[in-house]
Amino acid sequence: MTTLNREAVTKVLGPVDEALTAELIGTGASAEELFQAYAWLTNDEALANAQRGFPTARVGELVQILQQAEQEEEVGGG
């Protein structure tokens, strides 16, 4: 698995702020796990229909971080 770094975060999510990047990297997740979390967040019904199973605990943690960042962005108007 590829270690998660700033380049991998940008490749999966596009440009995000430094705090979010640091939080994601701090989980110890891999780039593949971030991709899976992003896929679950943006298209969870399709993944469930493909019978891929629910995400691992680490992927679930990434999903929570991404959801929180999304909510904060909506509240902040950014």
N, C-alpha and C. Protein backbone atom coordinates (compact mmCIF):
# COMPACT_ATOMS: atom_id res chain seq x y z
N MET A 1 0.84 -1.19 0.00
CA MET A 1 0.00 0.00 0.00
C MET A 1 0.88 1.25 0.00
N THR A 2 0.42 2.25 -0.70
CA THR A 2 1.13 3.50 -0.78
C THR A 2 0.82 4.36 0.44
N THR A 3 1.87 4.86 1.08
CA THR A 3 1.70 5.71 2.24
C THR A 3 1.01 7.00 1.84
N LEU A 4 0.09 7.45 2.68
CA LEU A 4 -0.64 8.68 2.41
C LEU A 4 0.28 9.87 2.64
N ASN A 5 0.33 10.75 1.65
CA ASN A 5 1.11 11.98 1.75
C ASN A 5 0.32 13.10 1.07
N ARG A 6 0.87 14.31 1.11
CA ARG A 6 0.17 15.47 0.55
C ARG A 6 -0.20 15.26 -0.91
N GLU A 7 0.72 14.72 -1.68
CA GLU A 7 0.47 14.48 -3.11
C GLU A 7 -0.68 13.50 -3.32
N ALA A 8 -0.72 12.44 -2.52
CA ALA A 8 -1.79 11.45 -2.64
C ALA A 8 -3.14 12.06 -2.26
N VAL A 9 -3.14 12.87 -1.20
CA VAL A 9 -4.39 13.53 -0.77
C VAL A 9 -4.91 14.41 -1.91
N THR A 10 -4.02 15.20 -2.50
CA THR A 10 -4.42 16.09 -3.60
C THR A 10 -4.89 15.30 -4.81
N LYS A 11 -4.24 14.18 -5.07
CA LYS A 11 -4.62 13.35 -6.21
C LYS A 11 -6.04 12.81 -6.06
N VAL A 12 -6.41 12.43 -4.83
CA VAL A 12 -7.74 11.86 -4.58
C VAL A 12 -8.79 12.95 -4.42
N LEU A 13 -8.49 13.99 -3.63
CA LEU A 13 -9.50 14.98 -3.25
C LEU A 13 -9.43 16.29 -4.02
N GLY A 14 -8.33 16.52 -4.71
CA GLY A 14 -8.10 17.83 -5.29
C GLY A 14 -7.53 18.74 -4.21
N PRO A 15 -7.43 20.03 -4.46
CA PRO A 15 -6.85 20.93 -3.48
C PRO A 15 -7.72 21.01 -2.22
N VAL A 16 -7.10 20.76 -1.08
CA VAL A 16 -7.77 20.91 0.22
C VAL A 16 -6.84 21.67 1.15
N ASP A 17 -7.38 22.21 2.23
CA ASP A 17 -6.53 23.00 3.11
C ASP A 17 -5.53 22.14 3.88
N GLU A 18 -4.52 22.80 4.38
CA GLU A 18 -3.41 22.11 5.04
C GLU A 18 -3.85 21.36 6.30
N ALA A 19 -4.80 21.92 7.04
CA ALA A 19 -5.26 21.27 8.27
C ALA A 19 -5.92 19.94 7.96
N LEU A 20 -6.76 19.90 6.94
CA LEU A 20 -7.42 18.66 6.55
C LEU A 20 -6.39 17.65 6.04
N THR A 21 -5.46 18.12 5.23
CA THR A 21 -4.41 17.24 4.72
C THR A 21 -3.64 16.61 5.88
N ALA A 22 -3.24 17.42 6.85
CA ALA A 22 -2.48 16.92 8.00
C ALA A 22 -3.30 15.93 8.82
N GLU A 23 -4.59 16.21 8.99
CA GLU A 23 -5.45 15.31 9.76
C GLU A 23 -5.58 13.95 9.06
N LEU A 24 -5.75 13.97 7.75
CA LEU A 24 -5.85 12.73 7.00
C LEU A 24 -4.56 11.93 7.05
N ILE A 25 -3.44 12.60 6.85
CA ILE A 25 -2.14 11.92 6.91
C ILE A 25 -1.90 11.36 8.31
N GLY A 26 -2.34 12.10 9.33
CA GLY A 26 -2.14 11.69 10.71
C GLY A 26 -2.87 10.41 11.10
N THR A 27 -3.80 9.97 10.30
CA THR A 27 -4.52 8.73 10.61
C THR A 27 -3.66 7.50 10.37
N GLY A 28 -2.60 7.66 9.59
CA GLY A 28 -1.76 6.52 9.24
C GLY A 28 -2.33 5.70 8.09
N ALA A 29 -3.36 6.23 7.45
CA ALA A 29 -4.01 5.52 6.35
C ALA A 29 -3.13 5.51 5.11
N SER A 30 -3.47 4.61 4.21
CA SER A 30 -2.79 4.55 2.92
C SER A 30 -3.58 5.37 1.89
N ALA A 31 -2.95 5.63 0.77
CA ALA A 31 -3.62 6.33 -0.32
C ALA A 31 -4.82 5.52 -0.81
N GLU A 32 -4.68 4.21 -0.83
CA GLU A 32 -5.78 3.35 -1.25
C GLU A 32 -6.97 3.46 -0.29
N GLU A 33 -6.69 3.55 1.00
CA GLU A 33 -7.77 3.70 1.98
C GLU A 33 -8.47 5.04 1.83
N LEU A 34 -7.72 6.10 1.54
CA LEU A 34 -8.34 7.41 1.30
C LEU A 34 -9.23 7.34 0.07
N PHE A 35 -8.75 6.70 -0.98
CA PHE A 35 -9.56 6.56 -2.19
C PHE A 35 -10.86 5.82 -1.88
N GLN A 36 -10.76 4.74 -1.10
CA GLN A 36 -11.95 3.98 -0.75
C GLN A 36 -12.91 4.83 0.09
N ALA A 37 -12.38 5.60 1.02
CA ALA A 37 -13.23 6.48 1.85
C ALA A 37 -13.94 7.51 0.99
N TYR A 38 -13.21 8.10 0.06
CA TYR A 38 -13.80 9.08 -0.83
C TYR A 38 -14.88 8.45 -1.70
N ALA A 39 -14.63 7.25 -2.17
CA ALA A 39 -15.62 6.54 -2.98
C ALA A 39 -16.87 6.25 -2.16
N TRP A 40 -16.70 5.82 -0.91
CA TRP A 40 -17.85 5.57 -0.05
C TRP A 40 -18.64 6.84 0.19
N LEU A 41 -17.93 7.93 0.41
CA LEU A 41 -18.59 9.20 0.72
C LEU A 41 -19.37 9.74 -0.47
N THR A 42 -18.83 9.56 -1.66
CA THR A 42 -19.46 10.15 -2.84
C THR A 42 -20.41 9.22 -3.57
N ASN A 43 -20.31 7.91 -3.30
CA ASN A 43 -21.14 6.98 -4.05
C ASN A 43 -21.37 5.70 -3.27
N ASP A 44 -21.77 5.81 -2.01
CA ASP A 44 -21.87 4.63 -1.15
C ASP A 44 -22.92 3.64 -1.63
N GLU A 45 -23.99 4.10 -2.23
CA GLU A 45 -25.03 3.18 -2.69
C GLU A 45 -24.51 2.24 -3.77
N ALA A 46 -23.72 2.78 -4.69
CA ALA A 46 -23.17 1.95 -5.77
C ALA A 46 -22.22 0.90 -5.20
N LEU A 47 -21.40 1.30 -4.22
CA LEU A 47 -20.48 0.33 -3.62
C LEU A 47 -21.24 -0.75 -2.87
N ALA A 48 -22.29 -0.37 -2.17
CA ALA A 48 -23.08 -1.35 -1.44
C ALA A 48 -23.76 -2.31 -2.42
N ASN A 49 -24.24 -1.77 -3.52
CA ASN A 49 -24.88 -2.62 -4.52
C ASN A 49 -23.88 -3.57 -5.17
N ALA A 50 -22.62 -3.19 -5.22
CA ALA A 50 -21.58 -4.04 -5.78
C ALA A 50 -21.13 -5.08 -4.76
N GLN A 51 -21.73 -5.08 -3.58
CA GLN A 51 -21.44 -6.03 -2.51
C GLN A 51 -19.98 -6.00 -2.11
N ARG A 52 -19.42 -4.81 -1.99
CA ARG A 52 -18.03 -4.66 -1.61
C ARG A 52 -17.86 -4.68 -0.10
N GLY A 53 -18.93 -4.72 0.64
CA GLY A 53 -18.82 -4.72 2.09
C GLY A 53 -18.62 -3.32 2.63
N PHE A 54 -18.77 -3.22 3.93
CA PHE A 54 -18.59 -1.92 4.56
C PHE A 54 -17.10 -1.64 4.75
N PRO A 55 -16.73 -0.37 4.85
CA PRO A 55 -15.32 -0.03 4.95
C PRO A 55 -14.70 -0.51 6.27
N THR A 56 -13.39 -0.62 6.26
CA THR A 56 -12.65 -0.96 7.47
C THR A 56 -12.75 0.19 8.46
N ALA A 57 -12.29 -0.06 9.67
CA ALA A 57 -12.33 0.98 10.70
C ALA A 57 -11.55 2.22 10.27
N ARG A 58 -10.39 2.03 9.67
CA ARG A 58 -9.58 3.18 9.24
C ARG A 58 -10.28 3.94 8.13
N VAL A 59 -10.87 3.23 7.18
CA VAL A 59 -11.61 3.89 6.10
C VAL A 59 -12.81 4.63 6.69
N GLY A 60 -13.46 4.02 7.66
CA GLY A 60 -14.57 4.69 8.35
C GLY A 60 -14.13 5.98 9.03
N GLU A 61 -12.94 5.95 9.63
CA GLU A 61 -12.40 7.16 10.26
C GLU A 61 -12.17 8.25 9.23
N LEU A 62 -11.63 7.88 8.08
CA LEU A 62 -11.42 8.84 7.00
C LEU A 62 -12.74 9.42 6.50
N VAL A 63 -13.75 8.57 6.38
CA VAL A 63 -15.07 9.03 5.95
C VAL A 63 -15.59 10.07 6.94
N GLN A 64 -15.45 9.80 8.23
CA GLN A 64 -15.91 10.75 9.25
C GLN A 64 -15.18 12.09 9.14
N ILE A 65 -13.87 12.04 8.94
CA ILE A 65 -13.08 13.27 8.81
C ILE A 65 -13.55 14.06 7.58
N LEU A 66 -13.75 13.37 6.47
CA LEU A 66 -14.19 14.04 5.25
C LEU A 66 -15.60 14.61 5.39
N GLN A 67 -16.49 13.87 6.06
CA GLN A 67 -17.85 14.37 6.28
C GLN A 67 -17.83 15.62 7.16
N GLN A 68 -17.02 15.59 8.21
CA GLN A 68 -16.93 16.74 9.10
C GLN A 68 -16.39 17.96 8.34
N ALA A 69 -15.36 17.76 7.52
CA ALA A 69 -14.80 18.86 6.74
C ALA A 69 -15.83 19.42 5.78
N GLU A 70 -16.62 18.55 5.18
CA GLU A 70 -17.66 18.98 4.25
C GLU A 70 -18.72 19.80 4.97
N GLN A 71 -19.13 19.35 6.16
CA GLN A 71 -20.13 20.08 6.94
C GLN A 71 -19.61 21.43 7.37
N GLU A 72 -18.34 21.50 7.80
CA GLU A 72 -17.75 22.76 8.22
C GLU A 72 -17.67 23.73 7.05
N GLU A 73 -17.39 23.21 5.88
CA GLU A 73 -17.31 24.05 4.68
C GLU A 73 -18.69 24.62 4.36
N GLU A 74 -19.73 23.80 4.47
CA GLU A 74 -21.09 24.26 4.21
C GLU A 74 -21.51 25.33 5.21
N VAL A 75 -21.19 25.13 6.48
CA VAL A 75 -21.55 26.09 7.52
C VAL A 75 -20.75 27.38 7.34
N GLY A 76 -19.49 27.24 6.97
CA GLY A 76 -18.62 28.40 6.80
C GLY A 76 -18.85 29.14 5.50
N GLY A 77 -19.66 28.55 4.61
CA GLY A 77 -19.96 29.20 3.34
C GLY A 77 -18.84 29.09 2.33
N GLY A 78 -17.86 28.20 2.60
CA GLY A 78 -16.72 28.10 1.69
C GLY A 78 -16.85 27.00 0.81
